[in-house]
Amino acid sequence: MLDMLEQAIRATFVTWQLAEQLLEKLCDEQWQSWLTSYIAKEQKQHEIWKYLFMVSRGIPYERALNDKGQAVQHVEEMVAALFFHEIEKNMLYYRMYTQLAKAPKYAAEQALTHSLEHSRCFFQWMQKEREQAQLI
């Protein structure tokens, strides 16, 4: 269980950091608004995973988290990277949901629901970016 919680902590940290980098590059107000909401949800989910780790282990999660993210420059690449990370989180959260019980299982179910929604949004965003690139 602790291994899965650590993976969830790292996964939410990576997507949160990558989303903040993407937000700095955006000009579209609609996507800025959605991404700001996404970042807030990722930060909250990150804190939930850290709390569950602390409750399970009895000590706070204190490992250093570094953004080992890819050096992506273009909005299209960043959106694709976020989509990829959301798909990974979907699989992790599903595994957590099937293997955990009580509060961690409920947290995994809620996180899976949100992650599936985010995956769909990032996929639509990628399609829109691709369509715009073809018009140029």
Protein backbone atom coordinates (compact mmCIF):
# COMPACT_ATOMS: atom_id res chain seq x y z
CA MET A 1 0.00 0.00 0.00
CA LEU A 2 2.77 2.45 0.88
CA ASP A 3 4.41 1.88 -2.48
CA MET A 4 1.21 2.81 -4.31
CA LEU A 5 0.75 5.89 -2.12
CA GLU A 6 4.32 6.98 -2.89
CA GLN A 7 3.66 6.51 -6.60
CA ALA A 8 0.50 8.60 -6.30
CA ILE A 9 2.38 11.34 -4.43
CA ARG A 10 5.04 11.47 -7.14
CA ALA A 11 2.51 11.28 -9.98
CA THR A 12 0.43 14.19 -8.70
CA PHE A 13 3.56 16.23 -8.10
CA VAL A 14 4.79 15.70 -11.67
CA THR A 15 1.47 16.61 -13.28
CA TRP A 16 1.02 19.61 -11.01
CA GLN A 17 4.49 20.95 -11.89
CA LEU A 18 4.06 20.30 -15.61
CA ALA A 19 0.66 22.00 -15.57
CA GLU A 20 2.17 25.07 -13.91
CA GLN A 21 4.82 25.22 -16.65
CA LEU A 22 2.11 24.94 -19.30
CA LEU A 23 0.03 27.67 -17.64
CA GLU A 24 2.95 30.10 -18.06
CA LYS A 25 2.92 29.51 -21.84
CA LEU A 26 -0.82 29.76 -22.47
CA CYS A 27 -2.63 32.68 -24.06
CA ASP A 28 -6.09 31.11 -24.36
CA GLU A 29 -8.19 32.27 -21.39
CA GLN A 30 -10.54 29.28 -21.54
CA TRP A 31 -7.68 26.80 -21.18
CA GLN A 32 -5.97 29.01 -18.58
CA SER A 33 -9.09 28.87 -16.43
CA TRP A 34 -9.46 25.11 -16.81
CA LEU A 35 -5.76 24.52 -16.14
CA THR A 36 -5.84 26.70 -13.02
CA SER A 37 -8.68 24.54 -11.70
CA TYR A 38 -6.74 21.40 -12.67
CA ILE A 39 -3.66 22.59 -10.75
CA ALA A 40 -5.75 23.27 -7.65
CA LYS A 41 -7.23 19.75 -7.85
CA GLU A 42 -3.79 18.20 -8.31
CA GLN A 43 -2.43 20.09 -5.29
CA LYS A 44 -5.38 18.94 -3.19
CA GLN A 45 -5.02 15.33 -4.36
CA HIS A 46 -1.28 15.50 -3.66
CA GLU A 47 -2.03 16.56 -0.07
CA ILE A 48 -4.60 13.77 0.33
CA TRP A 49 -2.05 11.14 -0.76
CA LYS A 50 0.56 12.60 1.61
CA TYR A 51 -1.97 12.55 4.46
CA LEU A 52 -2.94 8.92 3.77
CA PHE A 53 0.74 8.02 3.67
CA MET A 54 1.23 9.67 7.07
CA VAL A 55 -1.79 7.90 8.57
CA SER A 56 -0.65 4.53 7.19
CA ARG A 57 3.02 4.84 8.07
CA GLY A 58 2.80 6.99 11.17
CA ILE A 59 5.29 9.53 9.86
CA PRO A 60 4.97 12.31 7.27
CA TYR A 61 6.11 11.81 3.70
CA GLU A 62 9.38 13.70 3.56
CA ARG A 63 11.19 12.44 0.50
CA ALA A 64 12.42 15.17 -1.78
CA LEU A 65 10.32 15.53 -4.88
CA ASN A 66 12.14 16.90 -7.88
CA ASP A 67 10.52 17.81 -11.11
CA LYS A 68 12.28 15.37 -13.41
CA GLY A 69 9.93 16.40 -16.17
CA GLN A 70 10.81 16.44 -19.77
CA ALA A 71 12.33 19.56 -21.25
CA VAL A 72 9.32 20.29 -23.42
CA GLN A 73 8.99 23.67 -25.03
CA HIS A 74 5.83 23.63 -27.09
CA VAL A 75 2.30 23.74 -25.75
CA GLU A 76 1.36 20.74 -27.90
CA GLU A 77 4.16 18.63 -26.36
CA MET A 78 3.25 19.70 -22.83
CA VAL A 79 -0.40 18.79 -23.34
CA ALA A 80 0.64 15.40 -24.73
CA ALA A 81 2.93 14.84 -21.72
CA LEU A 82 0.11 15.69 -19.33
CA PHE A 83 -2.22 13.32 -21.21
CA PHE A 84 0.38 10.55 -20.91
CA HIS A 85 0.80 11.16 -17.16
CA GLU A 86 -2.98 11.16 -16.65
CA ILE A 87 -3.22 7.77 -18.37
CA GLU A 88 -0.52 6.45 -16.03
CA LYS A 89 -2.44 7.84 -13.05
CA ASN A 90 -5.64 6.19 -14.31
CA MET A 91 -3.93 2.81 -14.21
CA LEU A 92 -2.37 3.48 -10.79
CA TYR A 93 -5.63 4.71 -9.26
CA TYR A 94 -7.52 1.73 -10.64
CA ARG A 95 -4.93 -0.62 -9.13
CA MET A 96 -5.21 1.24 -5.82
CA TYR A 97 -9.01 1.03 -5.96
CA THR A 98 -8.95 -2.74 -6.45
CA GLN A 99 -6.32 -3.42 -3.78
CA LEU A 100 -7.07 -0.97 -0.97
CA ALA A 101 -9.89 -0.65 1.55
CA LYS A 102 -11.78 2.04 3.44
CA ALA A 103 -10.54 5.64 3.14
CA PRO A 104 -7.66 4.93 0.73
CA LYS A 105 -10.04 2.99 -1.54
CA TYR A 106 -12.53 5.87 -1.52
CA ALA A 107 -9.74 8.37 -2.25
CA ALA A 108 -8.54 6.19 -5.14
CA GLU A 109 -12.07 5.97 -6.55
CA GLN A 110 -12.51 9.75 -6.43
CA ALA A 111 -9.04 10.32 -7.91
CA LEU A 112 -9.76 7.83 -10.70
CA THR A 113 -12.97 9.64 -11.59
CA HIS A 114 -11.17 12.99 -11.80
CA SER A 115 -8.21 11.53 -13.67
CA LEU A 116 -10.47 10.00 -16.31
CA GLU A 117 -12.15 13.38 -16.82
CA HIS A 118 -8.77 15.09 -17.07
CA SER A 119 -7.54 12.50 -19.58
CA ARG A 120 -10.53 13.23 -21.79
CA CYS A 121 -9.92 16.99 -21.59
CA PHE A 122 -6.22 16.65 -22.40
CA PHE A 123 -7.09 14.39 -25.34
CA GLN A 124 -9.56 16.96 -26.68
CA TRP A 125 -6.96 19.68 -26.17
CA MET A 126 -4.39 17.64 -28.14
CA GLN A 127 -6.88 17.22 -30.97
CA LYS A 128 -7.56 20.96 -31.02
CA GLU A 129 -3.81 21.74 -31.07
CA ARG A 130 -3.30 19.28 -33.91
CA GLU A 131 -6.17 20.78 -35.92
CA GLN A 132 -4.79 24.29 -35.44
CA ALA A 133 -1.32 23.14 -36.52
CA GLN A 134 -2.77 21.67 -39.71
CA LEU A 135 -4.46 24.97 -40.56
CA ILE A 136 -1.15 26.82 -40.47
